[in-house]
PDB file of all heavy atoms in Angstrom:
ATOM      1  N   GLU A   1       7.538  17.654 -38.341  1.00  0.00           N
ATOM      2  CA  GLU A   1       6.943  17.559 -39.676  1.00  0.00           C
ATOM      3  C   GLU A   1       5.752  18.450 -39.864  1.00  0.00           C
ATOM      4  O   GLU A   1       5.544  19.020 -40.950  1.00  0.00           O
ATOM      5  CB  GLU A   1       6.565  16.056 -39.970  1.00  0.00           C
ATOM      6  CG  GLU A   1       6.070  15.858 -41.370  1.00  0.00           C
ATOM      7  CD  GLU A   1       7.154  16.228 -42.477  1.00  0.00           C
ATOM      8  OE1 GLU A   1       8.338  16.044 -42.198  1.00  0.00           O
ATOM      9  OE2 GLU A   1       6.725  16.718 -43.519  1.00  0.00           O
ATOM     10  N   ALA A   2       4.918  18.561 -38.837  1.00  0.00           N
ATOM     11  CA  ALA A   2       3.750  19.418 -38.921  1.00  0.00           C
ATOM     12  C   ALA A   2       4.052  20.888 -39.209  1.00  0.00           C
ATOM     13  O   ALA A   2       3.191  21.627 -39.717  1.00  0.00           O
ATOM     14  CB  ALA A   2       2.901  19.317 -37.640  1.00  0.00           C
ATOM     15  N   TYR A   3       5.272  21.311 -38.896  1.00  0.00           N
ATOM     16  CA  TYR A   3       5.663  22.680 -39.108  1.00  0.00           C
ATOM     17  C   TYR A   3       6.360  22.973 -40.401  1.00  0.00           C
ATOM     18  O   TYR A   3       6.672  24.134 -40.736  1.00  0.00           O
ATOM     19  CB  TYR A   3       6.509  23.161 -37.896  1.00  0.00           C
ATOM     20  CG  TYR A   3       5.797  22.962 -36.590  1.00  0.00           C
ATOM     21  CD1 TYR A   3       6.132  21.867 -35.756  1.00  0.00           C
ATOM     22  CD2 TYR A   3       4.767  23.800 -36.237  1.00  0.00           C
ATOM     23  CE1 TYR A   3       5.429  21.676 -34.560  1.00  0.00           C
ATOM     24  CE2 TYR A   3       4.079  23.596 -35.046  1.00  0.00           C
ATOM     25  CZ  TYR A   3       4.415  22.524 -34.218  1.00  0.00           C
ATOM     26  OH  TYR A   3       3.780  22.344 -33.061  1.00  0.00           O
ATOM     27  N   ARG A   4       6.728  21.927 -41.116  1.00  0.00           N
ATOM     28  CA  ARG A   4       7.447  22.059 -42.393  1.00  0.00           C
ATOM     29  C   ARG A   4       6.584  22.859 -43.353  1.00  0.00           C
ATOM     30  O   ARG A   4       5.365  22.704 -43.481  1.00  0.00           O
ATOM     31  CB  ARG A   4       7.748  20.731 -42.993  1.00  0.00           C
ATOM     32  CG  ARG A   4       8.671  20.791 -44.170  1.00  0.00           C
ATOM     33  CD  ARG A   4       9.142  19.419 -44.635  1.00  0.00           C
ATOM     34  NE  ARG A   4       9.697  18.586 -43.593  1.00  0.00           N
ATOM     35  CZ  ARG A   4      10.919  18.719 -43.058  1.00  0.00           C
ATOM     36  NH1 ARG A   4      11.663  19.720 -43.481  1.00  0.00           N
ATOM     37  NH2 ARG A   4      11.409  17.904 -42.148  1.00  0.00           N
ATOM     38  N   GLY A   5       7.149  23.881 -44.027  1.00  0.00           N
ATOM     39  CA  GLY A   5       6.465  24.713 -44.934  1.00  0.00           C
ATOM     40  C   GLY A   5       5.603  25.809 -44.259  1.00  0.00           C
ATOM     41  O   GLY A   5       4.836  26.491 -44.979  1.00  0.00           O
ATOM     42  N   THR A   6       5.739  25.974 -42.954  1.00  0.00           N
ATOM     43  CA  THR A   6       4.982  27.022 -42.275  1.00  0.00           C
ATOM     44  C   THR A   6       5.953  28.096 -41.868  1.00  0.00           C
ATOM     45  O   THR A   6       7.196  27.894 -41.988  1.00  0.00           O
ATOM     46  CB  THR A   6       4.225  26.511 -41.020  1.00  0.00           C
ATOM     47  OG1 THR A   6       5.180  26.226 -40.024  1.00  0.00           O
ATOM     48  CG2 THR A   6       3.413  25.256 -41.386  1.00  0.00           C
ATOM     49  N   ASP A   7       5.442  29.206 -41.251  1.00  0.00           N
ATOM     50  CA  ASP A   7       6.342  30.189 -40.703  1.00  0.00           C
ATOM     51  C   ASP A   7       6.592  30.008 -39.209  1.00  0.00           C
ATOM     52  O   ASP A   7       7.114  30.870 -38.550  1.00  0.00           O
ATOM     53  CB  ASP A   7       5.763  31.611 -41.007  1.00  0.00           C
ATOM     54  CG  ASP A   7       4.449  31.849 -40.298  1.00  0.00           C
ATOM     55  OD1 ASP A   7       3.897  30.880 -39.737  1.00  0.00           O
ATOM     56  OD2 ASP A   7       3.998  33.002 -40.337  1.00  0.00           O
ATOM     57  N   ARG A   8       6.215  28.828 -38.723  1.00  0.00           N
ATOM     58  CA  ARG A   8       6.422  28.514 -37.250  1.00  0.00           C
ATOM     59  C   ARG A   8       7.871  28.231 -37.020  1.00  0.00           C
ATOM     60  O   ARG A   8       8.549  27.643 -37.839  1.00  0.00           O
ATOM     61  CB  ARG A   8       5.572  27.316 -36.859  1.00  0.00           C
ATOM     62  CG  ARG A   8       4.084  27.515 -37.076  1.00  0.00           C
ATOM     63  CD  ARG A   8       3.500  28.596 -36.251  1.00  0.00           C
ATOM     64  NE  ARG A   8       3.724  28.486 -34.867  1.00  0.00           N
ATOM     65  CZ  ARG A   8       2.805  28.321 -33.939  1.00  0.00           C
ATOM     66  NH1 ARG A   8       1.552  28.306 -34.320  1.00  0.00           N
ATOM     67  NH2 ARG A   8       3.149  28.178 -32.664  1.00  0.00           N
ATOM     68  N   VAL A   9       8.363  28.622 -35.834  1.00  0.00           N
ATOM     69  CA  VAL A   9       9.706  28.384 -35.419  1.00  0.00           C
ATOM     70  C   VAL A   9       9.743  27.144 -34.596  1.00  0.00           C
ATOM     71  O   VAL A   9       8.961  27.032 -33.624  1.00  0.00           O
ATOM     72  CB  VAL A   9      10.263  29.585 -34.624  1.00  0.00           C
ATOM     73  CG1 VAL A   9      11.667  29.300 -34.137  1.00  0.00           C
ATOM     74  CG2 VAL A   9      10.304  30.816 -35.536  1.00  0.00           C
ATOM     75  N   VAL A  10      10.647  26.259 -34.885  1.00  0.00           N
ATOM     76  CA  VAL A  10      10.871  25.067 -34.079  1.00  0.00           C
ATOM     77  C   VAL A  10      12.203  25.171 -33.453  1.00  0.00           C
ATOM     78  O   VAL A  10      13.236  25.378 -34.144  1.00  0.00           O
ATOM     79  CB  VAL A  10      10.796  23.785 -34.947  1.00  0.00           C
ATOM     80  CG1 VAL A  10      11.167  22.559 -34.114  1.00  0.00           C
ATOM     81  CG2 VAL A  10       9.397  23.635 -35.605  1.00  0.00           C
ATOM     82  N   VAL A  11      12.277  25.126 -32.107  1.00  0.00           N
ATOM     83  CA  VAL A  11      13.515  25.207 -31.376  1.00  0.00           C
ATOM     84  C   VAL A  11      13.828  23.794 -30.842  1.00  0.00           C
ATOM     85  O   VAL A  11      12.974  23.152 -30.241  1.00  0.00           O
ATOM     86  CB  VAL A  11      13.424  26.212 -30.220  1.00  0.00           C
ATOM     87  CG1 VAL A  11      14.720  26.171 -29.384  1.00  0.00           C
ATOM     88  CG2 VAL A  11      13.137  27.592 -30.733  1.00  0.00           C
ATOM     89  N   PHE A  12      15.034  23.337 -31.085  1.00  0.00           N
ATOM     90  CA  PHE A  12      15.430  21.991 -30.678  1.00  0.00           C
ATOM     91  C   PHE A  12      16.696  22.162 -29.937  1.00  0.00           C
ATOM     92  O   PHE A  12      17.724  22.613 -30.418  1.00  0.00           O
ATOM     93  CB  PHE A  12      15.640  21.157 -31.940  1.00  0.00           C
ATOM     94  CG  PHE A  12      15.962  19.712 -31.675  1.00  0.00           C
ATOM     95  CD1 PHE A  12      14.947  18.890 -31.197  1.00  0.00           C
ATOM     96  CD2 PHE A  12      17.191  19.172 -31.892  1.00  0.00           C
ATOM     97  CE1 PHE A  12      15.162  17.535 -30.924  1.00  0.00           C
ATOM     98  CE2 PHE A  12      17.415  17.847 -31.669  1.00  0.00           C
ATOM     99  CZ  PHE A  12      16.414  17.041 -31.204  1.00  0.00           C
ATOM    100  N   SER A  13      16.700  21.705 -28.688  1.00  0.00           N
ATOM    101  CA  SER A  13      17.858  21.783 -27.812  1.00  0.00           C
ATOM    102  C   SER A  13      18.268  20.364 -27.513  1.00  0.00           C
ATOM    103  O   SER A  13      17.495  19.575 -26.994  1.00  0.00           O
ATOM    104  CB  SER A  13      17.509  22.502 -26.528  1.00  0.00           C
ATOM    105  OG  SER A  13      18.596  22.486 -25.625  1.00  0.00           O
ATOM    106  N   ALA A  14      19.523  20.013 -27.889  1.00  0.00           N
ATOM    107  CA  ALA A  14      19.984  18.696 -27.628  1.00  0.00           C
ATOM    108  C   ALA A  14      21.480  18.659 -27.413  1.00  0.00           C
ATOM    109  O   ALA A  14      22.233  19.338 -28.185  1.00  0.00           O
ATOM    110  CB  ALA A  14      19.594  17.806 -28.850  1.00  0.00           C
ATOM    111  N   PRO A  15      21.921  17.841 -26.445  1.00  0.00           N
ATOM    112  CA  PRO A  15      23.396  17.681 -26.308  1.00  0.00           C
ATOM    113  C   PRO A  15      23.848  16.870 -27.519  1.00  0.00           C
ATOM    114  O   PRO A  15      23.102  16.108 -28.095  1.00  0.00           O
ATOM    115  CB  PRO A  15      23.526  16.936 -25.023  1.00  0.00           C
ATOM    116  CG  PRO A  15      22.208  16.308 -24.743  1.00  0.00           C
ATOM    117  CD  PRO A  15      21.158  17.157 -25.470  1.00  0.00           C
ATOM    118  N   LEU A  16      25.101  17.027 -27.871  1.00  0.00           N
ATOM    119  CA  LEU A  16      25.731  16.269 -28.950  1.00  0.00           C
ATOM    120  C   LEU A  16      25.168  16.516 -30.317  1.00  0.00           C
ATOM    121  O   LEU A  16      25.292  15.694 -31.241  1.00  0.00           O
ATOM    122  CB  LEU A  16      25.747  14.783 -28.571  1.00  0.00           C
ATOM    123  CG  LEU A  16      26.375  14.351 -27.291  1.00  0.00           C
ATOM    124  CD1 LEU A  16      26.286  12.877 -27.033  1.00  0.00           C
ATOM    125  CD2 LEU A  16      27.777  14.885 -27.103  1.00  0.00           C
ATOM    126  N   LEU A  17      24.477  17.606 -30.492  1.00  0.00           N
ATOM    127  CA  LEU A  17      23.890  17.946 -31.817  1.00  0.00           C
ATOM    128  C   LEU A  17      24.977  18.048 -32.897  1.00  0.00           C
ATOM    129  O   LEU A  17      24.817  17.473 -33.972  1.00  0.00           O
ATOM    130  CB  LEU A  17      23.094  19.256 -31.693  1.00  0.00           C
ATOM    131  CG  LEU A  17      22.131  19.592 -32.820  1.00  0.00           C
ATOM    132  CD1 LEU A  17      20.979  18.575 -32.856  1.00  0.00           C
ATOM    133  CD2 LEU A  17      21.532  21.001 -32.596  1.00  0.00           C
ATOM    134  N   VAL A  18      26.038  18.722 -32.609  1.00  0.00           N
ATOM    135  CA  VAL A  18      27.132  18.879 -33.523  1.00  0.00           C
ATOM    136  C   VAL A  18      27.896  17.564 -33.689  1.00  0.00           C
ATOM    137  O   VAL A  18      28.220  17.130 -34.785  1.00  0.00           O
ATOM    138  CB  VAL A  18      28.057  20.045 -33.161  1.00  0.00           C
ATOM    139  CG1 VAL A  18      29.321  20.141 -34.024  1.00  0.00           C
ATOM    140  CG2 VAL A  18      27.288  21.384 -33.207  1.00  0.00           C
ATOM    141  N   GLU A  19      28.132  16.915 -32.532  1.00  0.00           N
ATOM    142  CA  GLU A  19      28.916  15.683 -32.544  1.00  0.00           C
ATOM    143  C   GLU A  19      28.270  14.634 -33.418  1.00  0.00           C
ATOM    144  O   GLU A  19      29.031  13.826 -34.028  1.00  0.00           O
ATOM    145  CB  GLU A  19      29.064  15.154 -31.149  1.00  0.00           C
ATOM    146  CG  GLU A  19      29.927  16.067 -30.236  1.00  0.00           C
ATOM    147  CD  GLU A  19      29.217  17.260 -29.651  1.00  0.00           C
ATOM    148  OE1 GLU A  19      28.077  17.554 -30.053  1.00  0.00           O
ATOM    149  OE2 GLU A  19      29.757  17.887 -28.747  1.00  0.00           O
ATOM    150  N   THR A  20      26.963  14.548 -33.464  1.00  0.00           N
ATOM    151  CA  THR A  20      26.291  13.551 -34.237  1.00  0.00           C
ATOM    152  C   THR A  20      26.053  13.973 -35.681  1.00  0.00           C
ATOM    153  O   THR A  20      25.586  13.162 -36.503  1.00  0.00           O
ATOM    154  CB  THR A  20      24.901  13.229 -33.635  1.00  0.00           C
ATOM    155  OG1 THR A  20      24.075  14.355 -33.658  1.00  0.00           O
ATOM    156  CG2 THR A  20      25.059  12.682 -32.229  1.00  0.00           C
ATOM    157  N   GLY A  21      26.335  15.211 -36.024  1.00  0.00           N
ATOM    158  CA  GLY A  21      26.120  15.712 -37.367  1.00  0.00           C
ATOM    159  C   GLY A  21      24.637  16.110 -37.633  1.00  0.00           C
ATOM    160  O   GLY A  21      24.322  16.574 -38.673  1.00  0.00           O
ATOM    161  N   MET A  22      23.890  16.004 -36.581  1.00  0.00           N
ATOM    162  CA  MET A  22      22.445  16.361 -36.719  1.00  0.00           C
ATOM    163  C   MET A  22      22.256  17.857 -36.944  1.00  0.00           C
ATOM    164  O   MET A  22      21.179  18.262 -37.491  1.00  0.00           O
ATOM    165  CB  MET A  22      21.668  15.867 -35.532  1.00  0.00           C
ATOM    166  CG  MET A  22      20.181  15.901 -35.760  1.00  0.00           C
ATOM    167  SD  MET A  22      19.310  15.094 -34.344  1.00  0.00           S
ATOM    168  CE  MET A  22      17.686  15.654 -34.704  1.00  0.00           C
ATOM    169  N   HIS A  23      23.246  18.681 -36.571  1.00  0.00           N
ATOM    170  CA  HIS A  23      23.054  20.142 -36.731  1.00  0.00           C
ATOM    171  C   HIS A  23      22.846  20.508 -38.183  1.00  0.00           C
ATOM    172  O   HIS A  23      22.283  21.532 -38.511  1.00  0.00           O
ATOM    173  CB  HIS A  23      24.293  20.834 -36.185  1.00  0.00           C
ATOM    174  CG  HIS A  23      25.569  20.650 -36.948  1.00  0.00           C
ATOM    175  ND1 HIS A  23      26.220  19.463 -36.950  1.00  0.00           N
ATOM    176  CD2 HIS A  23      26.209  21.422 -37.780  1.00  0.00           C
ATOM    177  CE1 HIS A  23      27.311  19.498 -37.754  1.00  0.00           C
ATOM    178  NE2 HIS A  23      27.294  20.706 -38.287  1.00  0.00           N
ATOM    179  N   THR A  24      23.247  19.673 -39.128  1.00  0.00           N
ATOM    180  CA  THR A  24      23.062  19.997 -40.526  1.00  0.00           C
ATOM    181  C   THR A  24      21.652  19.956 -41.006  1.00  0.00           C
ATOM    182  O   THR A  24      21.325  20.433 -42.082  1.00  0.00           O
ATOM    183  CB  THR A  24      23.924  19.034 -41.446  1.00  0.00           C
ATOM    184  OG1 THR A  24      23.484  17.701 -41.212  1.00  0.00           O
ATOM    185  CG2 THR A  24      25.418  19.144 -41.132  1.00  0.00           C
ATOM    186  N   ALA A  25      20.769  19.406 -40.138  1.00  0.00           N
ATOM    187  CA  ALA A  25      19.353  19.318 -40.465  1.00  0.00           C
ATOM    188  C   ALA A  25      18.611  20.624 -40.194  1.00  0.00           C
ATOM    189  O   ALA A  25      17.388  20.700 -40.458  1.00  0.00           O
ATOM    190  CB  ALA A  25      18.691  18.179 -39.737  1.00  0.00           C
ATOM    191  N   PHE A  26      19.267  21.590 -39.642  1.00  0.00           N
ATOM    192  CA  PHE A  26      18.637  22.834 -39.206  1.00  0.00           C
ATOM    193  C   PHE A  26      19.020  24.042 -40.050  1.00  0.00           C
ATOM    194  O   PHE A  26      20.122  24.076 -40.553  1.00  0.00           O
ATOM    195  CB  PHE A  26      18.955  23.112 -37.719  1.00  0.00           C
ATOM    196  CG  PHE A  26      18.461  21.991 -36.816  1.00  0.00           C
ATOM    197  CD1 PHE A  26      19.242  20.879 -36.527  1.00  0.00           C
ATOM    198  CD2 PHE A  26      17.210  22.044 -36.274  1.00  0.00           C
ATOM    199  CE1 PHE A  26      18.814  19.883 -35.716  1.00  0.00           C
ATOM    200  CE2 PHE A  26      16.712  21.029 -35.432  1.00  0.00           C
ATOM    201  CZ  PHE A  26      17.548  19.931 -35.189  1.00  0.00           C
ATOM    202  N   ASP A  27      18.102  25.007 -40.169  1.00  0.00           N
ATOM    203  CA  ASP A  27      18.395  26.198 -40.891  1.00  0.00           C
ATOM    204  C   ASP A  27      19.387  27.084 -40.126  1.00  0.00           C
ATOM    205  O   ASP A  27      20.161  27.798 -40.762  1.00  0.00           O
ATOM    206  CB  ASP A  27      17.105  26.955 -41.121  1.00  0.00           C
ATOM    207  CG  ASP A  27      16.162  26.247 -42.037  1.00  0.00           C
ATOM    208  OD1 ASP A  27      16.612  25.485 -42.950  1.00  0.00           O
ATOM    209  OD2 ASP A  27      14.896  26.335 -41.873  1.00  0.00           O
ATOM    210  N   VAL A  28      19.266  27.118 -38.825  1.00  0.00           N
ATOM    211  CA  VAL A  28      20.150  27.938 -38.015  1.00  0.00           C
ATOM    212  C   VAL A  28      20.620  27.117 -36.793  1.00  0.00           C
ATOM    213  O   VAL A  28      19.824  26.412 -36.169  1.00  0.00           O
ATOM    214  CB  VAL A  28      19.345  29.176 -37.469  1.00  0.00           C
ATOM    215  CG1 VAL A  28      20.203  30.017 -36.551  1.00  0.00           C
ATOM    216  CG2 VAL A  28      18.824  30.004 -38.661  1.00  0.00           C
ATOM    217  N   LEU A  29      21.897  27.256 -36.550  1.00  0.00           N
ATOM    218  CA  LEU A  29      22.479  26.623 -35.314  1.00  0.00           C
ATOM    219  C   LEU A  29      22.978  27.723 -34.368  1.00  0.00           C
ATOM    220  O   LEU A  29      23.770  28.536 -34.738  1.00  0.00           O
ATOM    221  CB  LEU A  29      23.664  25.712 -35.730  1.00  0.00           C
ATOM    222  CG  LEU A  29      24.402  25.097 -34.535  1.00  0.00           C
ATOM    223  CD1 LEU A  29      23.521  24.123 -33.785  1.00  0.00           C
ATOM    224  CD2 LEU A  29      25.670  24.435 -35.026  1.00  0.00           C
ATOM    225  N   VAL A  30      22.422  27.672 -33.190  1.00  0.00           N
ATOM    226  CA  VAL A  30      22.782  28.610 -32.103  1.00  0.00           C
ATOM    227  C   VAL A  30      23.601  27.772 -31.075  1.00  0.00           C
ATOM    228  O   VAL A  30      23.087  26.750 -30.592  1.00  0.00           O
ATOM    229  CB  VAL A  30      21.585  29.246 -31.437  1.00  0.00           C
ATOM    230  CG1 VAL A  30      22.037  30.156 -30.296  1.00  0.00           C
ATOM    231  CG2 VAL A  30      20.820  30.031 -32.434  1.00  0.00           C
ATOM    232  N   VAL A  31      24.783  28.236 -30.791  1.00  0.00           N
ATOM    233  CA  VAL A  31      25.582  27.546 -29.716  1.00  0.00           C
ATOM    234  C   VAL A  31      25.724  28.523 -28.591  1.00  0.00           C
ATOM    235  O   VAL A  31      26.046  29.671 -28.732  1.00  0.00           O
ATOM    236  CB  VAL A  31      27.023  27.178 -30.266  1.00  0.00           C
ATOM    237  CG1 VAL A  31      27.896  26.730 -29.146  1.00  0.00           C
ATOM    238  CG2 VAL A  31      26.929  26.150 -31.360  1.00  0.00           C
ATOM    239  N   VAL A  32      25.412  27.969 -27.400  1.00  0.00           N
ATOM    240  CA  VAL A  32      25.480  28.797 -26.163  1.00  0.00           C
ATOM    241  C   VAL A  32      26.795  28.375 -25.481  1.00  0.00           C
ATOM    242  O   VAL A  32      27.042  27.169 -25.251  1.00  0.00           O
ATOM    243  CB  VAL A  32      24.291  28.482 -25.244  1.00  0.00           C
ATOM    244  CG1 VAL A  32      24.406  29.338 -23.946  1.00  0.00           C
ATOM    245  CG2 VAL A  32      22.970  28.878 -26.014  1.00  0.00           C
TER     246      VAL A  32
END
């Protein structure tokens, strides 16, 4: 929340991100 509206990059790495549908909360999804 503290980074919302800033130019800061937030990286979030989590298993099951796509499976839970949480990936839709992000501007960019990177899959390795």
